[in-house]
Amino acid sequence: MIFSDLALNSDSEDYLQTQGLIETVLSSENPDLVVLVGDIVDPAHSDEYAFHFSSALELIKNMNVPWMWTGGNKIPDIDNGRLHEMDYEYGMSLSWTGHIWNMHQENPTGKIYE
């Protein structure tokens, strides 16, 4: 199952609607793996990023479904290393993100990913 650009923020109505949709889809489809593509949290909410990140993944984690996260836009004041740490700290063995992030891999232009 793929969820793309959840972009959660502190708008409670949007948040509750998104969480309700995630819960409905997870319950009806019972996936073996969830792939999260793009921004899980609205990048404009970097000050509350960890809270929204863990809240967004709570339903997936409670259903004991493994997930992978591709990452999204650059988050102000949070580097990829910290995003990886948040994902791993929260998801532990359920998160496969650590298997796909390589903080030292070069892209085709020769620049190091940040």
PDB file of N, CA and C in Angstrom:
ATOM      1  N   MET A   1       0.846  -1.162   0.000  1.00  0.00           N
ATOM      2  CA  MET A   1       0.000   0.000   0.000  1.00  0.00           C
ATOM      3  C   MET A   1       0.896   1.230   0.000  1.00  0.00           C
ATOM      4  N   ILE A   2       0.495   2.242  -0.739  1.00  0.00           N
ATOM      5  CA  ILE A   2       1.270   3.479  -0.820  1.00  0.00           C
ATOM      6  C   ILE A   2       0.419   4.646  -0.344  1.00  0.00           C
ATOM      7  N   PHE A   3       0.984   5.440   0.558  1.00  0.00           N
ATOM      8  CA  PHE A   3       0.415   6.728   0.948  1.00  0.00           C
ATOM      9  C   PHE A   3       1.397   7.792   0.496  1.00  0.00           C
ATOM     10  N   SER A   4       0.903   8.815  -0.155  1.00  0.00           N
ATOM     11  CA  SER A   4       1.773   9.855  -0.686  1.00  0.00           C
ATOM     12  C   SER A   4       1.457  11.211  -0.078  1.00  0.00           C
ATOM     13  N   ASP A   5       2.506  11.904   0.343  1.00  0.00           N
ATOM     14  CA  ASP A   5       2.410  13.293   0.804  1.00  0.00           C
ATOM     15  C   ASP A   5       1.252  13.527   1.769  1.00  0.00           C
ATOM     16  N   LEU A   6       1.316  12.902   2.929  1.00  0.00           N
ATOM     17  CA  LEU A   6       0.291  13.123   3.955  1.00  0.00           C
ATOM     18  C   LEU A   6       0.302  14.570   4.436  1.00  0.00           C
ATOM     19  N   ALA A   7       1.487  15.167   4.521  1.00  0.00           N
ATOM     20  CA  ALA A   7       1.668  16.585   4.893  1.00  0.00           C
ATOM     21  C   ALA A   7       0.840  16.992   6.108  1.00  0.00           C
ATOM     22  N   LEU A   8       0.917  16.192   7.162  1.00  0.00           N
ATOM     23  CA  LEU A   8       0.169  16.502   8.381  1.00  0.00           C
ATOM     24  C   LEU A   8       0.701  17.779   9.032  1.00  0.00           C
ATOM     25  N   ASN A   9      -0.202  18.494   9.677  1.00  0.00           N
ATOM     26  CA  ASN A   9       0.167  19.720  10.375  1.00  0.00           C
ATOM     27  C   ASN A   9      -0.741  19.873  11.588  1.00  0.00           C
ATOM     28  N   SER A  10      -0.833  21.066  12.129  1.00  0.00           N
ATOM     29  CA  SER A  10      -1.619  21.238  13.344  1.00  0.00           C
ATOM     30  C   SER A  10      -3.077  21.600  13.078  1.00  0.00           C
ATOM     31  N   ASP A  11      -3.536  21.523  11.832  1.00  0.00           N
ATOM     32  CA  ASP A  11      -4.952  21.736  11.524  1.00  0.00           C
ATOM     33  C   ASP A  11      -5.708  20.482  11.945  1.00  0.00           C
ATOM     34  N   SER A  12      -6.410  20.549  13.055  1.00  0.00           N
ATOM     35  CA  SER A  12      -7.005  19.348  13.640  1.00  0.00           C
ATOM     36  C   SER A  12      -8.040  18.694  12.735  1.00  0.00           C
ATOM     37  N   GLU A  13      -8.805  19.481  11.966  1.00  0.00           N
ATOM     38  CA  GLU A  13      -9.817  18.881  11.098  1.00  0.00           C
ATOM     39  C   GLU A  13      -9.163  18.059   9.993  1.00  0.00           C
ATOM     40  N   ASP A  14      -8.159  18.631   9.331  1.00  0.00           N
ATOM     41  CA  ASP A  14      -7.434  17.889   8.290  1.00  0.00           C
ATOM     42  C   ASP A  14      -6.754  16.661   8.870  1.00  0.00           C
ATOM     43  N   TYR A  15      -6.158  16.841  10.042  1.00  0.00           N
ATOM     44  CA  TYR A  15      -5.445  15.746  10.689  1.00  0.00           C
ATOM     45  C   TYR A  15      -6.387  14.578  10.975  1.00  0.00           C
ATOM     46  N   LEU A  16      -7.546  14.873  11.553  1.00  0.00           N
ATOM     47  CA  LEU A  16      -8.498  13.818  11.888  1.00  0.00           C
ATOM     48  C   LEU A  16      -9.044  13.133  10.634  1.00  0.00           C
ATOM     49  N   GLN A  17      -9.278  13.900   9.576  1.00  0.00           N
ATOM     50  CA  GLN A  17      -9.757  13.304   8.335  1.00  0.00           C
ATOM     51  C   GLN A  17      -8.693  12.382   7.737  1.00  0.00           C
ATOM     52  N   THR A  18      -7.445  12.823   7.754  1.00  0.00           N
ATOM     53  CA  THR A  18      -6.360  12.007   7.211  1.00  0.00           C
ATOM     54  C   THR A  18      -6.176  10.741   8.028  1.00  0.00           C
ATOM     55  N   GLN A  19      -6.170  10.871   9.348  1.00  0.00           N
ATOM     56  CA  GLN A  19      -6.033   9.695  10.209  1.00  0.00           C
ATOM     57  C   GLN A  19      -7.196   8.730  10.010  1.00  0.00           C
ATOM     58  N   GLY A  20      -8.395   9.254   9.864  1.00  0.00           N
ATOM     59  CA  GLY A  20      -9.553   8.399   9.622  1.00  0.00           C
ATOM     60  C   GLY A  20      -9.428   7.635   8.315  1.00  0.00           C
ATOM     61  N   LEU A  21      -8.949   8.308   7.284  1.00  0.00           N
ATOM     62  CA  LEU A  21      -8.756   7.660   5.993  1.00  0.00           C
ATOM     63  C   LEU A  21      -7.691   6.566   6.080  1.00  0.00           C
ATOM     64  N   ILE A  22      -6.584   6.867   6.744  1.00  0.00           N
ATOM     65  CA  ILE A  22      -5.518   5.875   6.914  1.00  0.00           C
ATOM     66  C   ILE A  22      -6.061   4.648   7.649  1.00  0.00           C
ATOM     67  N   GLU A  23      -6.790   4.873   8.731  1.00  0.00           N
ATOM     68  CA  GLU A  23      -7.339   3.772   9.508  1.00  0.00           C
ATOM     69  C   GLU A  23      -8.298   2.924   8.673  1.00  0.00           C
ATOM     70  N   THR A  24      -9.166   3.561   7.919  1.00  0.00           N
ATOM     71  CA  THR A  24     -10.127   2.843   7.074  1.00  0.00           C
ATOM     72  C   THR A  24      -9.418   1.985   6.037  1.00  0.00           C
ATOM     73  N   VAL A  25      -8.452   2.567   5.358  1.00  0.00           N
ATOM     74  CA  VAL A  25      -7.743   1.839   4.306  1.00  0.00           C
ATOM     75  C   VAL A  25      -6.920   0.697   4.886  1.00  0.00           C
ATOM     76  N   LEU A  26      -6.208   0.940   5.980  1.00  0.00           N
ATOM     77  CA  LEU A  26      -5.413  -0.116   6.599  1.00  0.00           C
ATOM     78  C   LEU A  26      -6.294  -1.275   7.061  1.00  0.00           C
ATOM     79  N   SER A  27      -7.416  -0.959   7.667  1.00  0.00           N
ATOM     80  CA  SER A  27      -8.309  -2.002   8.166  1.00  0.00           C
ATOM     81  C   SER A  27      -8.932  -2.821   7.047  1.00  0.00           C
ATOM     82  N   SER A  28      -9.297  -2.156   5.965  1.00  0.00           N
ATOM     83  CA  SER A  28      -9.964  -2.885   4.884  1.00  0.00           C
ATOM     84  C   SER A  28      -8.996  -3.641   3.980  1.00  0.00           C
ATOM     85  N   GLU A  29      -7.773  -3.147   3.842  1.00  0.00           N
ATOM     86  CA  GLU A  29      -6.816  -3.762   2.916  1.00  0.00           C
ATOM     87  C   GLU A  29      -5.834  -4.715   3.593  1.00  0.00           C
ATOM     88  N   ASN A  30      -5.553  -4.513   4.881  1.00  0.00           N
ATOM     89  CA  ASN A  30      -4.621  -5.361   5.625  1.00  0.00           C
ATOM     90  C   ASN A  30      -3.313  -5.579   4.854  1.00  0.00           C
ATOM     91  N   PRO A  31      -2.563  -4.514   4.580  1.00  0.00           N
ATOM     92  CA  PRO A  31      -1.367  -4.623   3.739  1.00  0.00           C
ATOM     93  C   PRO A  31      -0.208  -5.336   4.433  1.00  0.00           C
ATOM     94  N   ASP A  32       0.688  -5.878   3.623  1.00  0.00           N
ATOM     95  CA  ASP A  32       1.918  -6.487   4.137  1.00  0.00           C
ATOM     96  C   ASP A  32       3.000  -5.442   4.360  1.00  0.00           C
ATOM     97  N   LEU A  33       2.896  -4.336   3.621  1.00  0.00           N
ATOM     98  CA  LEU A  33       3.892  -3.269   3.692  1.00  0.00           C
ATOM     99  C   LEU A  33       3.212  -1.965   3.313  1.00  0.00           C
ATOM    100  N   VAL A  34       3.554  -0.898   4.038  1.00  0.00           N
ATOM    101  CA  VAL A  34       3.101   0.443   3.684  1.00  0.00           C
ATOM    102  C   VAL A  34       4.323   1.228   3.217  1.00  0.00           C
ATOM    103  N   VAL A  35       4.198   1.856   2.059  1.00  0.00           N
ATOM    104  CA  VAL A  35       5.259   2.716   1.535  1.00  0.00           C
ATOM    105  C   VAL A  35       4.763   4.151   1.648  1.00  0.00           C
ATOM    106  N   LEU A  36       5.511   4.959   2.359  1.00  0.00           N
ATOM    107  CA  LEU A  36       5.179   6.364   2.547  1.00  0.00           C
ATOM    108  C   LEU A  36       6.077   7.178   1.618  1.00  0.00           C
ATOM    109  N   VAL A  37       5.448   7.871   0.693  1.00  0.00           N
ATOM    110  CA  VAL A  37       6.171   8.628  -0.323  1.00  0.00           C
ATOM    111  C   VAL A  37       5.979  10.107  -0.046  1.00  0.00           C
ATOM    112  N   GLY A  38       7.066  10.844  -0.004  1.00  0.00           N
ATOM    113  CA  GLY A  38       6.970  12.290   0.171  1.00  0.00           C
ATOM    114  C   GLY A  38       6.850  12.708   1.620  1.00  0.00           C
ATOM    115  N   ASP A  39       6.272  13.875   1.807  1.00  0.00           N
ATOM    116  CA  ASP A  39       6.217  14.496   3.130  1.00  0.00           C
ATOM    117  C   ASP A  39       5.142  13.873   4.010  1.00  0.00           C
ATOM    118  N   ILE A  40       5.555  13.309   5.118  1.00  0.00           N
ATOM    119  CA  ILE A  40       4.607  12.803   6.111  1.00  0.00           C
ATOM    120  C   ILE A  40       4.056  13.990   6.897  1.00  0.00           C
ATOM    121  N   VAL A  41       4.915  14.951   7.170  1.00  0.00           N
ATOM    122  CA  VAL A  41       4.551  16.155   7.912  1.00  0.00           C
ATOM    123  C   VAL A  41       4.771  17.354   7.001  1.00  0.00           C
ATOM    124  N   ASP A  42       3.901  18.338   7.102  1.00  0.00           N
ATOM    125  CA  ASP A  42       4.061  19.578   6.351  1.00  0.00           C
ATOM    126  C   ASP A  42       5.409  20.198   6.729  1.00  0.00           C
ATOM    127  N   PRO A  43       6.302  20.426   5.748  1.00  0.00           N
ATOM    128  CA  PRO A  43       7.623  20.974   6.055  1.00  0.00           C
ATOM    129  C   PRO A  43       7.584  22.312   6.786  1.00  0.00           C
ATOM    130  N   ALA A  44       6.500  23.053   6.667  1.00  0.00           N
ATOM    131  CA  ALA A  44       6.376  24.339   7.361  1.00  0.00           C
ATOM    132  C   ALA A  44       6.230  24.171   8.869  1.00  0.00           C
ATOM    133  N   HIS A  45       6.031  22.942   9.343  1.00  0.00           N
ATOM    134  CA  HIS A  45       5.834  22.684  10.772  1.00  0.00           C
ATOM    135  C   HIS A  45       7.042  21.964  11.370  1.00  0.00           C
ATOM    136  N   SER A  46       8.232  22.439  11.043  1.00  0.00           N
ATOM    137  CA  SER A  46       9.439  21.776  11.532  1.00  0.00           C
ATOM    138  C   SER A  46       9.568  21.852  13.049  1.00  0.00           C
ATOM    139  N   ASP A  47       8.983  22.868  13.676  1.00  0.00           N
ATOM    140  CA  ASP A  47       9.075  22.988  15.130  1.00  0.00           C
ATOM    141  C   ASP A  47       8.279  21.890  15.837  1.00  0.00           C
ATOM    142  N   GLU A  48       7.287  21.312  15.170  1.00  0.00           N
ATOM    143  CA  GLU A  48       6.477  20.234  15.750  1.00  0.00           C
ATOM    144  C   GLU A  48       6.644  18.938  14.962  1.00  0.00           C
ATOM    145  N   TYR A  49       7.714  18.837  14.211  1.00  0.00           N
ATOM    146  CA  TYR A  49       7.870  17.736  13.269  1.00  0.00           C
ATOM    147  C   TYR A  49       7.825  16.364  13.940  1.00  0.00           C
ATOM    148  N   ALA A  50       8.594  16.175  14.995  1.00  0.00           N
ATOM    149  CA  ALA A  50       8.663  14.861  15.656  1.00  0.00           C
ATOM    150  C   ALA A  50       7.291  14.431  16.178  1.00  0.00           C
ATOM    151  N   PHE A  51       6.529  15.370  16.742  1.00  0.00           N
ATOM    152  CA  PHE A  51       5.198  15.048  17.249  1.00  0.00           C
ATOM    153  C   PHE A  51       4.287  14.590  16.114  1.00  0.00           C
ATOM    154  N   HIS A  52       4.226  15.364  15.050  1.00  0.00           N
ATOM    155  CA  HIS A  52       3.350  15.017  13.928  1.00  0.00           C
ATOM    156  C   HIS A  52       3.813  13.736  13.236  1.00  0.00           C
ATOM    157  N   PHE A  53       5.112  13.545  13.156  1.00  0.00           N
ATOM    158  CA  PHE A  53       5.658  12.340  12.536  1.00  0.00           C
ATOM    159  C   PHE A  53       5.203  11.095  13.299  1.00  0.00           C
ATOM    160  N   SER A  54       5.383  11.099  14.617  1.00  0.00           N
ATOM    161  CA  SER A  54       4.989   9.924  15.406  1.00  0.00           C
ATOM    162  C   SER A  54       3.474   9.734  15.396  1.00  0.00           C
ATOM    163  N   SER A  55       2.720  10.826  15.407  1.00  0.00           N
ATOM    164  CA  SER A  55       1.260  10.723  15.346  1.00  0.00           C
ATOM    165  C   SER A  55       0.804  10.122  14.022  1.00  0.00           C
ATOM    166  N   ALA A  56       1.442  10.535  12.945  1.00  0.00           N
ATOM    167  CA  ALA A  56       1.059  10.041  11.621  1.00  0.00           C
ATOM    168  C   ALA A  56       1.284   8.544  11.498  1.00  0.00           C
ATOM    169  N   LEU A  57       2.308   8.046  12.149  1.00  0.00           N
ATOM    170  CA  LEU A  57       2.652   6.636  12.028  1.00  0.00           C
ATOM    171  C   LEU A  57       2.018   5.754  13.097  1.00  0.00           C
ATOM    172  N   GLU A  58       1.313   6.364  14.030  1.00  0.00           N
ATOM    173  CA  GLU A  58       0.752   5.600  15.154  1.00  0.00           C
ATOM    174  C   GLU A  58      -0.169   4.471  14.689  1.00  0.00           C
ATOM    175  N   LEU A  59      -1.062   4.753  13.751  1.00  0.00           N
ATOM    176  CA  LEU A  59      -1.987   3.714  13.292  1.00  0.00           C
ATOM    177  C   LEU A  59      -1.258   2.576  12.592  1.00  0.00           C
ATOM    178  N   ILE A  60      -0.269   2.923  11.788  1.00  0.00           N
ATOM    179  CA  ILE A  60       0.504   1.894  11.078  1.00  0.00           C
ATOM    180  C   ILE A  60       1.246   1.035  12.093  1.00  0.00           C
ATOM    181  N   LYS A  61       1.869   1.693  13.045  1.00  0.00           N
ATOM    182  CA  LYS A  61       2.618   0.961  14.070  1.00  0.00           C
ATOM    183  C   LYS A  61       1.687   0.087  14.920  1.00  0.00           C
ATOM    184  N   ASN A  62       0.541   0.610  15.310  1.00  0.00           N
ATOM    185  CA  ASN A  62      -0.398  -0.160  16.131  1.00  0.00           C
ATOM    186  C   ASN A  62      -0.920  -1.395  15.419  1.00  0.00           C
ATOM    187  N   MET A  63      -0.970  -1.346  14.084  1.00  0.00           N
ATOM    188  CA  MET A  63      -1.431  -2.506  13.323  1.00  0.00           C
ATOM    189  C   MET A  63      -0.281  -3.458  13.011  1.00  0.00           C
ATOM    190  N   ASN A  64       0.926  -3.115  13.491  1.00  0.00           N
ATOM    191  CA  ASN A  64       2.106  -3.954  13.330  1.00  0.00           C
ATOM    192  C   ASN A  64       2.445  -4.197  11.858  1.00  0.00           C
ATOM    193  N   VAL A  65       2.282  -3.148  11.049  1.00  0.00           N
ATOM    194  CA  VAL A  65       2.578  -3.228   9.620  1.00  0.00           C
ATOM    195  C   VAL A  65       3.941  -2.588   9.364  1.00  0.00           C
ATOM    196  N   PRO A  66       4.858  -3.295   8.718  1.00  0.00           N
ATOM    197  CA  PRO A  66       6.140  -2.683   8.360  1.00  0.00           C
ATOM    198  C   PRO A  66       5.930  -1.548   7.357  1.00  0.00           C
ATOM    199  N   TRP A  67       6.815  -0.547   7.397  1.00  0.00           N
ATOM    200  CA  TRP A  67       6.727   0.533   6.420  1.00  0.00           C
ATOM    201  C   TRP A  67       8.102   0.950   5.940  1.00  0.00           C
ATOM    202  N   MET A  68       8.086   1.595   4.777  1.00  0.00           N
ATOM    203  CA  MET A  68       9.278   2.242   4.221  1.00  0.00           C
ATOM    204  C   MET A  68       8.885   3.681   3.942  1.00  0.00           C
ATOM    205  N   TRP A  69       9.815   4.586   4.152  1.00  0.00           N
ATOM    206  CA  TRP A  69       9.566   5.995   3.893  1.00  0.00           C
ATOM    207  C   TRP A  69      10.645   6.508   2.973  1.00  0.00           C
ATOM    208  N   THR A  70      10.244   7.140   1.886  1.00  0.00           N
ATOM    209  CA  THR A  70      11.215   7.643   0.922  1.00  0.00           C
ATOM    210  C   THR A  70      11.742   9.017   1.285  1.00  0.00           C
ATOM    211  N   GLY A  71      11.133   9.659   2.257  1.00  0.00           N
ATOM    212  CA  GLY A  71      11.507  11.034   2.571  1.00  0.00           C
ATOM    213  C   GLY A  71      10.740  11.985   1.667  1.00  0.00           C
ATOM    214  N   GLY A  72      10.898  13.258   1.908  1.00  0.00           N
ATOM    215  CA  GLY A  72      10.184  14.252   1.127  1.00  0.00           C
ATOM    216  C   GLY A  72      11.025  15.487   0.923  1.00  0.00           C
ATOM    217  N   ASN A  73      10.392  16.635   0.979  1.00  0.00           N
ATOM    218  CA  ASN A  73      11.094  17.898   0.808  1.00  0.00           C
ATOM    219  C   ASN A  73      12.044  18.162   1.967  1.00  0.00           C
ATOM    220  N   LYS A  74      12.992  19.037   1.738  1.00  0.00           N
ATOM    221  CA  LYS A  74      13.913  19.449   2.797  1.00  0.00           C
ATOM    222  C   LYS A  74      13.101  20.116   3.905  1.00  0.00           C
ATOM    223  N   ILE A  75      13.365  19.705   5.139  1.00  0.00           N
ATOM    224  CA  ILE A  75      12.674  20.259   6.302  1.00  0.00           C
ATOM    225  C   ILE A  75      13.586  21.300   6.943  1.00  0.00           C
ATOM    226  N   PRO A  76      13.098  22.531   7.102  1.00  0.00           N
ATOM    227  CA  PRO A  76      13.944  23.558   7.725  1.00  0.00           C
ATOM    228  C   PRO A  76      14.476  23.107   9.088  1.00  0.00           C
ATOM    229  N   ASP A  77      15.757  23.255   9.280  1.00  0.00           N
ATOM    230  CA  ASP A  77      16.429  22.959  10.557  1.00  0.00           C
ATOM    231  C   ASP A  77      16.470  21.480  10.933  1.00  0.00           C
ATOM    232  N   ILE A  78      16.104  20.571  10.016  1.00  0.00           N
ATOM    233  CA  ILE A  78      16.190  19.136  10.299  1.00  0.00           C
ATOM    234  C   ILE A  78      16.881  18.471   9.105  1.00  0.00           C
ATOM    235  N   ASP A  79      18.037  17.856   9.342  1.00  0.00           N
ATOM    236  CA  ASP A  79      18.743  17.201   8.237  1.00  0.00           C
ATOM    237  C   ASP A  79      18.280  15.752   8.075  1.00  0.00           C
ATOM    238  N   ASN A  80      18.680  15.130   6.973  1.00  0.00           N
ATOM    239  CA  ASN A  80      18.261  13.756   6.695  1.00  0.00           C
ATOM    240  C   ASN A  80      18.681  12.777   7.782  1.00  0.00           C
ATOM    241  N   GLY A  81      19.830  13.012   8.382  1.00  0.00           N
ATOM    242  CA  GLY A  81      20.275  12.139   9.462  1.00  0.00           C
ATOM    243  C   GLY A  81      19.295  12.147  10.622  1.00  0.00           C
ATOM    244  N   ARG A  82      18.823  13.322  10.999  1.00  0.00           N
ATOM    245  CA  ARG A  82      17.859  13.423  12.108  1.00  0.00           C
ATOM    246  C   ARG A  82      16.515  12.813  11.716  1.00  0.00           C
ATOM    247  N   LEU A  83      16.079  13.003  10.462  1.00  0.00           N
ATOM    248  CA  LEU A  83      14.837  12.382  10.004  1.00  0.00           C
ATOM    249  C   LEU A  83      14.942  10.863  10.097  1.00  0.00           C
ATOM    250  N   HIS A  84      16.078  10.344   9.684  1.00  0.00           N
ATOM    251  CA  HIS A  84      16.295   8.896   9.776  1.00  0.00           C
ATOM    252  C   HIS A  84      16.231   8.447  11.231  1.00  0.00           C
ATOM    253  N   GLU A  85      16.874   9.194  12.126  1.00  0.00           N
ATOM    254  CA  GLU A  85      16.855   8.846  13.548  1.00  0.00           C
ATOM    255  C   GLU A  85      15.431   8.843  14.101  1.00  0.00           C
ATOM    256  N   MET A  86      14.639   9.868  13.746  1.00  0.00           N
ATOM    257  CA  MET A  86      13.252   9.922  14.224  1.00  0.00           C
ATOM    258  C   MET A  86      12.480   8.699  13.750  1.00  0.00           C
ATOM    259  N   ASP A  87      12.639   8.375  12.483  1.00  0.00           N
ATOM    260  CA  ASP A  87      11.921   7.231  11.922  1.00  0.00           C
ATOM    261  C   ASP A  87      12.347   5.945  12.621  1.00  0.00           C
ATOM    262  N   TYR A  88      13.636   5.760  12.805  1.00  0.00           N
ATOM    263  CA  TYR A  88      14.120   4.530  13.426  1.00  0.00           C
ATOM    264  C   TYR A  88      13.740   4.465  14.905  1.00  0.00           C
ATOM    265  N   GLU A  89      13.912   5.580  15.622  1.00  0.00           N
ATOM    266  CA  GLU A  89      13.558   5.595  17.044  1.00  0.00           C
ATOM    267  C   GLU A  89      12.086   5.268  17.244  1.00  0.00           C
ATOM    268  N   TYR A  90      11.261   5.784  16.385  1.00  0.00           N
ATOM    269  CA  TYR A  90       9.834   5.561  16.535  1.00  0.00           C
ATOM    270  C   TYR A  90       9.421   4.179  16.046  1.00  0.00           C
ATOM    271  N   GLY A  91       9.923   3.765  14.901  1.00  0.00           N
ATOM    272  CA  GLY A  91       9.443   2.534  14.286  1.00  0.00           C
ATOM    273  C   GLY A  91      10.216   1.284  14.624  1.00  0.00           C
ATOM    274  N   MET A  92      11.480   1.444  15.008  1.00  0.00           N
ATOM    275  CA  MET A  92      12.351   0.308  15.287  1.00  0.00           C
ATOM    276  C   MET A  92      12.262  -0.734  14.177  1.00  0.00           C
ATOM    277  N   SER A  93      11.960  -1.972  14.490  1.00  0.00           N
ATOM    278  CA  SER A  93      12.010  -3.033  13.484  1.00  0.00           C
ATOM    279  C   SER A  93      10.890  -2.933  12.458  1.00  0.00           C
ATOM    280  N   LEU A  94       9.844  -2.125  12.726  1.00  0.00           N
ATOM    281  CA  LEU A  94       8.778  -1.970  11.741  1.00  0.00           C
ATOM    282  C   LEU A  94       9.195  -1.058  10.589  1.00  0.00           C
ATOM    283  N   SER A  95      10.145  -0.180  10.842  1.00  0.00           N
ATOM    284  CA  SER A  95      10.568   0.765   9.811  1.00  0.00           C
ATOM    285  C   SER A  95      11.713   0.192   9.002  1.00  0.00           C
ATOM    286  N   TRP A  96      11.520   0.137   7.716  1.00  0.00           N
ATOM    287  CA  TRP A  96      12.585  -0.315   6.818  1.00  0.00           C
ATOM    288  C   TRP A  96      13.339   0.853   6.225  1.00  0.00           C
ATOM    289  N   THR A  97      13.036   2.046   6.671  1.00  0.00           N
ATOM    290  CA  THR A  97      13.661   3.241   6.110  1.00  0.00           C
ATOM    291  C   THR A  97      15.171   3.187   6.240  1.00  0.00           C
ATOM    292  N   GLY A  98      15.663   2.680   7.348  1.00  0.00           N
ATOM    293  CA  GLY A  98      17.103   2.610   7.554  1.00  0.00           C
ATOM    294  C   GLY A  98      17.814   1.774   6.512  1.00  0.00           C
ATOM    295  N   HIS A  99      17.095   0.875   5.876  1.00  0.00           N
ATOM    296  CA  HIS A  99      17.706   0.036   4.857  1.00  0.00           C
ATOM    297  C   HIS A  99      17.846   0.747   3.524  1.00  0.00           C
ATOM    298  N   ILE A 100      17.145   1.870   3.339  1.00  0.00           N
ATOM    299  CA  ILE A 100      17.209   2.543   2.046  1.00  0.00           C
ATOM    300  C   ILE A 100      17.899   3.892   2.107  1.00  0.00           C
ATOM    301  N   TRP A 101      18.086   4.445   3.291  1.00  0.00           N
ATOM    302  CA  TRP A 101      18.764   5.728   3.407  1.00  0.00           C
ATOM    303  C   TRP A 101      20.253   5.466   3.515  1.00  0.00           C
ATOM    304  N   ASN A 102      21.015   6.158   2.730  1.00  0.00           N
ATOM    305  CA  ASN A 102      22.457   6.102   2.839  1.00  0.00           C
ATOM    306  C   ASN A 102      22.952   7.539   2.851  1.00  0.00           C
ATOM    307  N   MET A 103      23.352   7.987   3.992  1.00  0.00           N
ATOM    308  CA  MET A 103      23.702   9.394   4.160  1.00  0.00           C
ATOM    309  C   MET A 103      24.977   9.795   3.414  1.00  0.00           C
ATOM    310  N   HIS A 104      25.722   8.830   2.899  1.00  0.00           N
ATOM    311  CA  HIS A 104      26.990   9.163   2.263  1.00  0.00           C
ATOM    312  C   HIS A 104      27.034   8.794   0.787  1.00  0.00           C
ATOM    313  N   GLN A 105      25.928   8.404   0.233  1.00  0.00           N
ATOM    314  CA  GLN A 105      25.887   8.011  -1.160  1.00  0.00           C
ATOM    315  C   GLN A 105      25.864   9.242  -2.053  1.00  0.00           C
ATOM    316  N   GLU A 106      26.626   9.179  -3.135  1.00  0.00           N
ATOM    317  CA  GLU A 106      26.643  10.292  -4.068  1.00  0.00           C
ATOM    318  C   GLU A 106      25.536  10.125  -5.097  1.00  0.00           C
ATOM    319  N   ASN A 107      24.968  11.245  -5.517  1.00  0.00           N
ATOM    320  CA  ASN A 107      23.977  11.190  -6.585  1.00  0.00           C
ATOM    321  C   ASN A 107      24.702  11.315  -7.933  1.00  0.00           C
ATOM    322  N   PRO A 108      23.996  11.169  -9.046  1.00  0.00           N
ATOM    323  CA  PRO A 108      24.657  11.202 -10.354  1.00  0.00           C
ATOM    324  C   PRO A 108      25.414  12.490 -10.659  1.00  0.00           C
ATOM    325  N   THR A 109      25.091  13.592  -9.986  1.00  0.00           N
ATOM    326  CA  THR A 109      25.807  14.836 -10.235  1.00  0.00           C
ATOM    327  C   THR A 109      27.104  14.909  -9.435  1.00  0.00           C
ATOM    328  N   GLY A 110      27.325  13.909  -8.572  1.00  0.00           N
ATOM    329  CA  GLY A 110      28.545  13.873  -7.774  1.00  0.00           C
ATOM    330  C   GLY A 110      28.412  14.588  -6.440  1.00  0.00           C
ATOM    331  N   LYS A 111      27.277  15.189  -6.158  1.00  0.00           N
ATOM    332  CA  LYS A 111      27.096  15.895  -4.893  1.00  0.00           C
ATOM    333  C   LYS A 111      26.637  14.911  -3.821  1.00  0.00           C
ATOM    334  N   ILE A 112      27.080  15.140  -2.601  1.00  0.00           N
ATOM    335  CA  ILE A 112      26.663  14.309  -1.474  1.00  0.00           C
ATOM    336  C   ILE A 112      25.254  14.714  -1.084  1.00  0.00           C
ATOM    337  N   TYR A 113      24.380  13.739  -0.877  1.00  0.00           N
ATOM    338  CA  TYR A 113      23.028  14.030  -0.396  1.00  0.00           C
ATOM    339  C   TYR A 113      23.100  14.640   0.981  1.00  0.00           C
ATOM    340  N   GLU A 114      22.253  15.595   1.256  1.00  0.00           N
ATOM    341  CA  GLU A 114      22.194  16.200   2.585  1.00  0.00           C
ATOM    342  C   GLU A 114      21.072  15.609   3.392  1.00  0.00           C
TER     343      GLU A 114
END
